[in-house]
PDB file of N, CA and C in Angstrom:
ATOM      1  N   MET A   1     235.022   2.421 202.034  1.00  0.00           N
ATOM      2  CA  MET A   1     233.984   1.808 201.226  1.00  0.00           C
ATOM      3  C   MET A   1     233.478   0.483 201.912  1.00  0.00           C
ATOM      4  N   ALA A   2     234.898  -0.319 202.125  1.00  0.00           N
ATOM      5  CA  ALA A   2     234.636  -1.529 202.757  1.00  0.00           C
ATOM      6  C   ALA A   2     236.003  -1.920 203.625  1.00  0.00           C
ATOM      7  N   GLY A   3     236.012  -2.739 204.333  1.00  0.00           N
ATOM      8  CA  GLY A   3     237.156  -2.967 205.279  1.00  0.00           C
ATOM      9  C   GLY A   3     237.195  -4.226 206.075  1.00  0.00           C
ATOM     10  N   GLY A   4     238.047  -4.609 206.842  1.00  0.00           N
ATOM     11  CA  GLY A   4     238.281  -5.786 207.720  1.00  0.00           C
ATOM     12  C   GLY A   4     239.557  -5.839 208.408  1.00  0.00           C
ATOM     13  N   ALA A   5     239.664  -6.645 209.234  1.00  0.00           N
ATOM     14  CA  ALA A   5     240.953  -6.965 209.939  1.00  0.00           C
ATOM     15  C   ALA A   5     241.048  -8.161 210.381  1.00  0.00           C
ATOM     16  N   PHE A   6     242.219  -8.605 211.064  1.00  0.00           N
ATOM     17  CA  PHE A   6     242.318  -9.870 211.741  1.00  0.00           C
ATOM     18  C   PHE A   6     243.010  -9.825 213.083  1.00  0.00           C
ATOM     19  N   LYS A   7     242.915 -10.541 214.047  1.00  0.00           N
ATOM     20  CA  LYS A   7     244.048 -10.599 215.077  1.00  0.00           C
ATOM     21  C   LYS A   7     244.344 -12.078 215.200  1.00  0.00           C
ATOM     22  N   ARG A   8     245.286 -12.283 216.355  1.00  0.00           N
ATOM     23  CA  ARG A   8     245.734 -13.549 216.559  1.00  0.00           C
ATOM     24  C   ARG A   8     244.754 -14.117 217.575  1.00  0.00           C
ATOM     25  N   LEU A   9     244.148 -15.263 217.225  1.00  0.00           N
ATOM     26  CA  LEU A   9     243.396 -16.027 218.150  1.00  0.00           C
ATOM     27  C   LEU A   9     244.249 -17.017 218.859  1.00  0.00           C
ATOM     28  N   ASP A  10     245.152 -17.774 218.113  1.00  0.00           N
ATOM     29  CA  ASP A  10     246.250 -18.581 219.049  1.00  0.00           C
ATOM     30  C   ASP A  10     247.616 -18.699 217.834  1.00  0.00           C
ATOM     31  N   GLU A  11     248.154 -19.685 218.010  1.00  0.00           N
ATOM     32  CA  GLU A  11     249.439 -19.589 217.476  1.00  0.00           C
ATOM     33  C   GLU A  11     249.238 -19.879 215.707  1.00  0.00           C
ATOM     34  N   HIS A  12     248.185 -20.745 215.466  1.00  0.00           N
ATOM     35  CA  HIS A  12     247.895 -21.136 214.097  1.00  0.00           C
ATOM     36  C   HIS A  12     246.636 -20.601 213.724  1.00  0.00           C
ATOM     37  N   THR A  13     245.983 -19.681 214.263  1.00  0.00           N
ATOM     38  CA  THR A  13     244.648 -19.262 213.912  1.00  0.00           C
ATOM     39  C   THR A  13     244.642 -17.463 213.950  1.00  0.00           C
ATOM     40  N   ALA A  14     244.084 -17.121 212.954  1.00  0.00           N
ATOM     41  CA  ALA A  14     243.828 -15.711 212.966  1.00  0.00           C
ATOM     42  C   ALA A  14     242.149 -15.538 213.122  1.00  0.00           C
ATOM     43  N   GLU A  15     241.817 -14.730 213.664  1.00  0.00           N
ATOM     44  CA  GLU A  15     240.370 -14.153 213.779  1.00  0.00           C
ATOM     45  C   GLU A  15     240.131 -13.234 212.794  1.00  0.00           C
ATOM     46  N   LEU A  16     239.266 -13.280 212.076  1.00  0.00           N
ATOM     47  CA  LEU A  16     238.839 -12.070 211.124  1.00  0.00           C
ATOM     48  C   LEU A  16     237.650 -11.444 212.070  1.00  0.00           C
ATOM     49  N   LYS A  17     237.736 -10.056 211.693  1.00  0.00           N
ATOM     50  CA  LYS A  17     236.861  -8.961 212.488  1.00  0.00           C
ATOM     51  C   LYS A  17     236.429  -8.114 211.774  1.00  0.00           C
ATOM     52  N   ARG A  18     235.299  -7.447 212.035  1.00  0.00           N
ATOM     53  CA  ARG A  18     234.881  -6.030 211.516  1.00  0.00           C
ATOM     54  C   ARG A  18     234.896  -6.298 209.845  1.00  0.00           C
ATOM     55  N   ILE A  19     234.450  -7.275 209.345  1.00  0.00           N
ATOM     56  CA  ILE A  19     234.396  -7.065 207.834  1.00  0.00           C
ATOM     57  C   ILE A  19     232.983  -6.415 207.624  1.00  0.00           C
ATOM     58  N   TRP A  20     233.093  -5.384 206.816  1.00  0.00           N
ATOM     59  CA  TRP A  20     231.874  -4.571 206.506  1.00  0.00           C
ATOM     60  C   TRP A  20     231.958  -4.031 205.103  1.00  0.00           C
ATOM     61  N   THR A  21     230.871  -3.667 204.313  1.00  0.00           N
ATOM     62  CA  THR A  21     231.017  -2.809 203.430  1.00  0.00           C
ATOM     63  C   THR A  21     229.866  -1.897 203.685  1.00  0.00           C
ATOM     64  N   SER A  22     230.098  -0.691 203.002  1.00  0.00           N
ATOM     65  CA  SER A  22     229.263   0.632 202.940  1.00  0.00           C
ATOM     66  C   SER A  22     227.710   0.259 202.293  1.00  0.00           C
ATOM     67  N   SER A  23     226.885   0.650 202.895  1.00  0.00           N
ATOM     68  CA  SER A  23     225.564   0.049 202.037  1.00  0.00           C
ATOM     69  C   SER A  23     225.586   0.825 200.607  1.00  0.00           C
ATOM     70  N   ARG A  24     226.117   1.675 200.361  1.00  0.00           N
ATOM     71  CA  ARG A  24     226.050   2.234 199.013  1.00  0.00           C
ATOM     72  C   ARG A  24     227.046   1.397 198.020  1.00  0.00           C
ATOM     73  N   HIS A  25     227.922   0.515 198.627  1.00  0.00           N
ATOM     74  CA  HIS A  25     228.905  -0.219 197.616  1.00  0.00           C
ATOM     75  C   HIS A  25     228.441  -1.649 197.920  1.00  0.00           C
ATOM     76  N   ARG A  26     227.419  -2.089 198.429  1.00  0.00           N
ATOM     77  CA  ARG A  26     226.984  -3.592 198.372  1.00  0.00           C
ATOM     78  C   ARG A  26     226.702  -4.254 197.342  1.00  0.00           C
ATOM     79  N   ARG A  27     226.947  -5.601 197.357  1.00  0.00           N
ATOM     80  CA  ARG A  27     226.536  -6.166 195.992  1.00  0.00           C
ATOM     81  C   ARG A  27     227.484  -6.045 194.881  1.00  0.00           C
ATOM     82  N   GLN A  28     228.679  -5.758 194.969  1.00  0.00           N
ATOM     83  CA  GLN A  28     229.758  -5.378 194.254  1.00  0.00           C
ATOM     84  C   GLN A  28     231.052  -6.479 194.305  1.00  0.00           C
ATOM     85  N   GLY A  29     230.769  -7.390 195.355  1.00  0.00           N
ATOM     86  CA  GLY A  29     231.688  -8.402 195.665  1.00  0.00           C
ATOM     87  C   GLY A  29     233.067  -7.918 196.604  1.00  0.00           C
ATOM     88  N   LEU A  30     232.891  -6.728 197.061  1.00  0.00           N
ATOM     89  CA  LEU A  30     233.758  -6.132 198.235  1.00  0.00           C
ATOM     90  C   LEU A  30     234.152  -6.951 199.170  1.00  0.00           C
ATOM     91  N   ALA A  31     232.980  -7.596 199.745  1.00  0.00           N
ATOM     92  CA  ALA A  31     233.131  -8.215 201.124  1.00  0.00           C
ATOM     93  C   ALA A  31     234.042  -9.469 200.603  1.00  0.00           C
ATOM     94  N   ARG A  32     233.774 -10.215 199.726  1.00  0.00           N
ATOM     95  CA  ARG A  32     234.671 -11.329 199.345  1.00  0.00           C
ATOM     96  C   ARG A  32     235.938 -10.802 199.120  1.00  0.00           C
ATOM     97  N   ARG A  33     236.506  -9.640 198.085  1.00  0.00           N
ATOM     98  CA  ARG A  33     237.688  -9.231 198.368  1.00  0.00           C
ATOM     99  C   ARG A  33     238.381  -9.103 199.426  1.00  0.00           C
ATOM    100  N   ILE A  34     237.597  -8.517 200.444  1.00  0.00           N
ATOM    101  CA  ILE A  34     238.310  -8.189 201.760  1.00  0.00           C
ATOM    102  C   ILE A  34     238.742  -9.583 202.573  1.00  0.00           C
ATOM    103  N   VAL A  35     237.600 -10.532 202.411  1.00  0.00           N
ATOM    104  CA  VAL A  35     237.871 -11.633 203.116  1.00  0.00           C
ATOM    105  C   VAL A  35     239.105 -12.275 202.286  1.00  0.00           C
ATOM    106  N   ASN A  36     239.373 -12.384 201.082  1.00  0.00           N
ATOM    107  CA  ASN A  36     240.321 -13.090 200.250  1.00  0.00           C
ATOM    108  C   ASN A  36     241.780 -12.289 200.768  1.00  0.00           C
ATOM    109  N   GLU A  37     241.635 -11.097 200.734  1.00  0.00           N
ATOM    110  CA  GLU A  37     242.779 -10.319 201.229  1.00  0.00           C
ATOM    111  C   GLU A  37     243.296 -10.541 202.554  1.00  0.00           C
ATOM    112  N   LEU A  38     242.484 -10.581 203.617  1.00  0.00           N
ATOM    113  CA  LEU A  38     242.648 -10.979 204.924  1.00  0.00           C
ATOM    114  C   LEU A  38     243.460 -12.372 205.042  1.00  0.00           C
ATOM    115  N   GLU A  39     242.654 -13.265 204.379  1.00  0.00           N
ATOM    116  CA  GLU A  39     243.159 -14.826 204.467  1.00  0.00           C
ATOM    117  C   GLU A  39     244.562 -14.691 203.612  1.00  0.00           C
ATOM    118  N   SER A  40     245.013 -14.126 202.606  1.00  0.00           N
ATOM    119  CA  SER A  40     246.131 -13.992 201.969  1.00  0.00           C
ATOM    120  C   SER A  40     247.167 -13.406 202.906  1.00  0.00           C
ATOM    121  N   GLU A  41     246.794 -12.364 203.566  1.00  0.00           N
ATOM    122  CA  GLU A  41     248.012 -11.760 204.570  1.00  0.00           C
ATOM    123  C   GLU A  41     248.122 -12.521 205.892  1.00  0.00           C
ATOM    124  N   ALA A  42     246.983 -13.252 206.229  1.00  0.00           N
ATOM    125  CA  ALA A  42     247.200 -14.315 207.310  1.00  0.00           C
ATOM    126  C   ALA A  42     248.253 -15.413 207.135  1.00  0.00           C
ATOM    127  N   VAL A  43     248.024 -15.860 205.974  1.00  0.00           N
ATOM    128  CA  VAL A  43     249.100 -16.963 205.379  1.00  0.00           C
ATOM    129  C   VAL A  43     250.271 -16.357 205.429  1.00  0.00           C
ATOM    130  N   ARG A  44     250.592 -14.966 205.009  1.00  0.00           N
ATOM    131  CA  ARG A  44     251.810 -14.498 204.646  1.00  0.00           C
ATOM    132  C   ARG A  44     252.641 -14.527 206.267  1.00  0.00           C
ATOM    133  N   GLN A  45     251.491 -14.320 207.126  1.00  0.00           N
ATOM    134  CA  GLN A  45     251.958 -14.164 208.658  1.00  0.00           C
ATOM    135  C   GLN A  45     251.997 -15.336 209.226  1.00  0.00           C
ATOM    136  N   GLY A  46     252.033 -16.601 208.598  1.00  0.00           N
ATOM    137  CA  GLY A  46     252.246 -17.973 209.062  1.00  0.00           C
ATOM    138  C   GLY A  46     250.946 -18.467 209.661  1.00  0.00           C
ATOM    139  N   TYR A  47     249.759 -18.030 209.597  1.00  0.00           N
ATOM    140  CA  TYR A  47     248.661 -18.649 210.139  1.00  0.00           C
ATOM    141  C   TYR A  47     248.229 -19.863 209.067  1.00  0.00           C
ATOM    142  N   THR A  48     247.701 -20.728 209.680  1.00  0.00           N
ATOM    143  CA  THR A  48     247.033 -22.075 209.046  1.00  0.00           C
ATOM    144  C   THR A  48     245.637 -21.994 209.017  1.00  0.00           C
ATOM    145  N   LYS A  49     244.872 -21.425 209.823  1.00  0.00           N
ATOM    146  CA  LYS A  49     243.755 -21.268 209.989  1.00  0.00           C
ATOM    147  C   LYS A  49     242.820 -19.948 210.286  1.00  0.00           C
ATOM    148  N   VAL A  50     241.913 -19.734 209.888  1.00  0.00           N
ATOM    149  CA  VAL A  50     241.115 -18.534 210.181  1.00  0.00           C
ATOM    150  C   VAL A  50     239.732 -18.948 210.947  1.00  0.00           C
ATOM    151  N   TYR A  51     239.357 -18.062 211.812  1.00  0.00           N
ATOM    152  CA  TYR A  51     238.234 -18.214 212.513  1.00  0.00           C
ATOM    153  C   TYR A  51     237.367 -16.901 212.557  1.00  0.00           C
ATOM    154  N   LEU A  52     235.972 -16.973 212.459  1.00  0.00           N
ATOM    155  CA  LEU A  52     235.333 -15.767 212.765  1.00  0.00           C
ATOM    156  C   LEU A  52     233.825 -16.092 213.143  1.00  0.00           C
ATOM    157  N   THR A  53     233.218 -14.891 213.526  1.00  0.00           N
ATOM    158  CA  THR A  53     231.904 -15.131 213.912  1.00  0.00           C
ATOM    159  C   THR A  53     230.850 -14.006 213.355  1.00  0.00           C
ATOM    160  N   THR A  54     229.663 -14.255 213.290  1.00  0.00           N
ATOM    161  CA  THR A  54     228.547 -13.425 212.935  1.00  0.00           C
ATOM    162  C   THR A  54     227.430 -13.403 213.826  1.00  0.00           C
ATOM    163  N   GLY A  55     226.574 -12.631 213.509  1.00  0.00           N
ATOM    164  CA  GLY A  55     225.170 -12.850 214.572  1.00  0.00           C
ATOM    165  C   GLY A  55     224.161 -13.431 213.533  1.00  0.00           C
ATOM    166  N   PRO A  56     223.234 -13.915 214.415  1.00  0.00           N
ATOM    167  CA  PRO A  56     222.200 -14.561 213.900  1.00  0.00           C
ATOM    168  C   PRO A  56     221.068 -13.724 212.664  1.00  0.00           C
ATOM    169  N   ARG A  57     221.505 -12.578 212.724  1.00  0.00           N
ATOM    170  CA  ARG A  57     220.648 -11.656 212.081  1.00  0.00           C
ATOM    171  C   ARG A  57     221.560 -11.149 210.713  1.00  0.00           C
ATOM    172  N   GLN A  58     222.375 -11.966 210.440  1.00  0.00           N
ATOM    173  CA  GLN A  58     223.264 -11.413 209.258  1.00  0.00           C
ATOM    174  C   GLN A  58     223.249 -12.482 208.146  1.00  0.00           C
ATOM    175  N   PRO A  59     222.138 -12.637 207.526  1.00  0.00           N
ATOM    176  CA  PRO A  59     222.169 -13.965 206.462  1.00  0.00           C
ATOM    177  C   PRO A  59     223.263 -13.483 205.289  1.00  0.00           C
ATOM    178  N   GLU A  60     223.448 -12.384 204.965  1.00  0.00           N
ATOM    179  CA  GLU A  60     224.608 -12.163 203.848  1.00  0.00           C
ATOM    180  C   GLU A  60     225.842 -12.459 204.175  1.00  0.00           C
ATOM    181  N   ALA A  61     226.112 -12.262 205.823  1.00  0.00           N
ATOM    182  CA  ALA A  61     227.446 -12.842 206.113  1.00  0.00           C
ATOM    183  C   ALA A  61     227.491 -14.152 206.165  1.00  0.00           C
ATOM    184  N   LYS A  62     226.577 -14.726 206.566  1.00  0.00           N
ATOM    185  CA  LYS A  62     226.402 -16.468 206.803  1.00  0.00           C
ATOM    186  C   LYS A  62     226.654 -16.949 205.410  1.00  0.00           C
ATOM    187  N   ALA A  63     225.991 -16.334 204.273  1.00  0.00           N
ATOM    188  CA  ALA A  63     226.078 -16.926 202.824  1.00  0.00           C
ATOM    189  C   ALA A  63     227.699 -16.489 202.081  1.00  0.00           C
ATOM    190  N   LEU A  64     228.096 -15.411 202.624  1.00  0.00           N
ATOM    191  CA  LEU A  64     229.491 -14.919 202.092  1.00  0.00           C
ATOM    192  C   LEU A  64     230.522 -16.107 202.870  1.00  0.00           C
ATOM    193  N   TYR A  65     230.476 -16.201 203.910  1.00  0.00           N
ATOM    194  CA  TYR A  65     231.332 -17.231 204.436  1.00  0.00           C
ATOM    195  C   TYR A  65     231.358 -18.705 203.906  1.00  0.00           C
ATOM    196  N   LEU A  66     230.165 -19.108 203.940  1.00  0.00           N
ATOM    197  CA  LEU A  66     229.753 -20.499 203.457  1.00  0.00           C
ATOM    198  C   LEU A  66     230.434 -20.490 201.861  1.00  0.00           C
ATOM    199  N   ALA A  67     230.008 -19.497 201.167  1.00  0.00           N
ATOM    200  CA  ALA A  67     230.475 -19.324 199.701  1.00  0.00           C
ATOM    201  C   ALA A  67     232.035 -19.205 199.762  1.00  0.00           C
ATOM    202  N   ALA A  68     232.606 -18.849 200.569  1.00  0.00           N
ATOM    203  CA  ALA A  68     234.324 -18.692 200.805  1.00  0.00           C
ATOM    204  C   ALA A  68     234.913 -19.961 201.349  1.00  0.00           C
ATOM    205  N   GLY A  69     234.047 -21.129 201.571  1.00  0.00           N
ATOM    206  CA  GLY A  69     234.872 -22.152 201.996  1.00  0.00           C
ATOM    207  C   GLY A  69     234.590 -22.501 203.527  1.00  0.00           C
ATOM    208  N   TYR A  70     234.006 -21.400 204.370  1.00  0.00           N
ATOM    209  CA  TYR A  70     234.038 -21.658 205.711  1.00  0.00           C
ATOM    210  C   TYR A  70     233.274 -22.842 206.202  1.00  0.00           C
ATOM    211  N   ARG A  71     233.542 -23.311 207.304  1.00  0.00           N
ATOM    212  CA  ARG A  71     232.830 -24.405 207.972  1.00  0.00           C
ATOM    213  C   ARG A  71     231.941 -23.941 209.316  1.00  0.00           C
ATOM    214  N   PRO A  72     230.700 -23.976 209.031  1.00  0.00           N
ATOM    215  CA  PRO A  72     230.045 -23.547 210.304  1.00  0.00           C
ATOM    216  C   PRO A  72     230.500 -24.502 211.623  1.00  0.00           C
ATOM    217  N   LEU A  73     230.451 -23.904 212.637  1.00  0.00           N
ATOM    218  CA  LEU A  73     230.835 -24.582 213.975  1.00  0.00           C
ATOM    219  C   LEU A  73     229.611 -24.537 214.903  1.00  0.00           C
ATOM    220  N   TYR A  74     228.523 -24.652 214.066  1.00  0.00           N
ATOM    221  CA  TYR A  74     227.257 -24.867 214.904  1.00  0.00           C
ATOM    222  C   TYR A  74     226.200 -25.510 213.950  1.00  0.00           C
ATOM    223  N   ASP A  75     224.853 -26.007 214.645  1.00  0.00           N
ATOM    224  CA  ASP A  75     224.124 -26.859 213.883  1.00  0.00           C
ATOM    225  C   ASP A  75     223.218 -25.978 213.037  1.00  0.00           C
ATOM    226  N   THR A  76     223.501 -25.984 211.670  1.00  0.00           N
ATOM    227  CA  THR A  76     222.916 -25.108 210.694  1.00  0.00           C
ATOM    228  C   THR A  76     221.258 -25.538 210.634  1.00  0.00           C
ATOM    229  N   ALA A  77     220.860 -26.512 211.198  1.00  0.00           N
ATOM    230  CA  ALA A  77     219.507 -26.873 211.172  1.00  0.00           C
ATOM    231  C   ALA A  77     218.544 -26.090 212.240  1.00  0.00           C
ATOM    232  N   LEU A  78     219.338 -25.537 213.177  1.00  0.00           N
ATOM    233  CA  LEU A  78     218.706 -24.914 214.216  1.00  0.00           C
ATOM    234  C   LEU A  78     218.307 -23.408 213.639  1.00  0.00           C
ATOM    235  N   ASP A  79     217.176 -22.805 214.276  1.00  0.00           N
ATOM    236  CA  ASP A  79     216.903 -21.580 214.097  1.00  0.00           C
ATOM    237  C   ASP A  79     218.091 -20.665 214.459  1.00  0.00           C
ATOM    238  N   PRO A  80     218.330 -19.643 213.452  1.00  0.00           N
ATOM    239  CA  PRO A  80     219.470 -18.505 213.652  1.00  0.00           C
ATOM    240  C   PRO A  80     219.195 -17.919 215.270  1.00  0.00           C
ATOM    241  N   GLU A  81     218.277 -17.562 215.566  1.00  0.00           N
ATOM    242  CA  GLU A  81     218.013 -17.151 216.797  1.00  0.00           C
ATOM    243  C   GLU A  81     218.391 -17.795 218.071  1.00  0.00           C
ATOM    244  N   GLN A  82     218.123 -19.024 217.713  1.00  0.00           N
ATOM    245  CA  GLN A  82     218.476 -20.222 218.874  1.00  0.00           C
ATOM    246  C   GLN A  82     219.778 -20.414 219.049  1.00  0.00           C
ATOM    247  N   VAL A  83     220.510 -20.406 217.868  1.00  0.00           N
ATOM    248  CA  VAL A  83     221.888 -20.630 217.662  1.00  0.00           C
ATOM    249  C   VAL A  83     222.751 -19.596 218.560  1.00  0.00           C
ATOM    250  N   GLY A  84     222.448 -18.278 218.291  1.00  0.00           N
ATOM    251  CA  GLY A  84     223.024 -17.014 218.736  1.00  0.00           C
ATOM    252  C   GLY A  84     224.163 -16.591 217.752  1.00  0.00           C
ATOM    253  N   ILE A  85     225.178 -16.289 218.288  1.00  0.00           N
ATOM    254  CA  ILE A  85     226.559 -16.202 217.801  1.00  0.00           C
ATOM    255  C   ILE A  85     226.929 -17.352 216.739  1.00  0.00           C
ATOM    256  N   HIS A  86     227.132 -17.083 215.404  1.00  0.00           N
ATOM    257  CA  HIS A  86     227.473 -18.155 214.513  1.00  0.00           C
ATOM    258  C   HIS A  86     229.126 -18.123 214.181  1.00  0.00           C
ATOM    259  N   PRO A  87     229.573 -19.125 214.750  1.00  0.00           N
ATOM    260  CA  PRO A  87     231.003 -19.401 214.749  1.00  0.00           C
ATOM    261  C   PRO A  87     231.437 -20.065 213.332  1.00  0.00           C
ATOM    262  N   PHE A  88     232.510 -19.664 212.596  1.00  0.00           N
ATOM    263  CA  PHE A  88     232.987 -20.233 211.376  1.00  0.00           C
ATOM    264  C   PHE A  88     234.380 -20.487 211.434  1.00  0.00           C
ATOM    265  N   GLU A  89     234.990 -21.653 210.644  1.00  0.00           N
ATOM    266  CA  GLU A  89     236.369 -21.607 210.449  1.00  0.00           C
ATOM    267  C   GLU A  89     236.789 -22.052 209.339  1.00  0.00           C
ATOM    268  N   LYS A  90     238.032 -21.890 208.895  1.00  0.00           N
ATOM    269  CA  LYS A  90     238.476 -22.417 207.630  1.00  0.00           C
ATOM    270  C   LYS A  90     239.923 -22.827 207.797  1.00  0.00           C
ATOM    271  N   THR A  91     240.384 -23.876 206.948  1.00  0.00           N
ATOM    272  CA  THR A  91     241.991 -24.175 206.955  1.00  0.00           C
ATOM    273  C   THR A  91     242.410 -23.356 205.817  1.00  0.00           C
ATOM    274  N   LEU A  92     243.586 -22.740 206.002  1.00  0.00           N
ATOM    275  CA  LEU A  92     244.157 -21.788 204.888  1.00  0.00           C
ATOM    276  C   LEU A  92     244.781 -22.727 204.087  1.00  0.00           C
ATOM    277  N   GLY A  93     244.899 -22.594 202.640  1.00  0.00           N
ATOM    278  CA  GLY A  93     245.575 -23.241 201.708  1.00  0.00           C
ATOM    279  C   GLY A  93     244.975 -24.345 201.116  1.00  0.00           C
ATOM    280  N   VAL A  94     243.813 -24.628 201.540  1.00  0.00           N
ATOM    281  CA  VAL A  94     243.090 -25.785 201.208  1.00  0.00           C
ATOM    282  C   VAL A  94     241.827 -25.262 200.295  1.00  0.00           C
ATOM    283  N   GLU A  95     241.976 -25.840 199.014  1.00  0.00           N
ATOM    284  CA  GLU A  95     240.971 -25.243 197.934  1.00  0.00           C
ATOM    285  C   GLU A  95     239.570 -26.155 198.193  1.00  0.00           C
ATOM    286  N   ARG A  96     238.393 -25.567 198.236  1.00  0.00           N
ATOM    287  CA  ARG A  96     237.167 -25.911 198.287  1.00  0.00           C
ATOM    288  C   ARG A  96     236.249 -25.969 197.181  1.00  0.00           C
TER     289      ARG A  96
END
């Protein structure tokens, strides 16, 4: 019904990958729970940062990452199609 994973990007950074929720189970907070669990596991494994990307036609994903405290690594004033891939990062262990 929902899932995700992460992989090592570098010594300090985990890259979140494939965060998804089944269309039948959306709007229940599952994606946020997945992101929280992935971040917690990354901390347990010694990572201090997380990085992820999403596409320009994923406004729900963009909203999720911003609400979860991720910092966009692109100019948010630009048209999403002009930006292309939308990268984000977050320092773990820092409340926002």
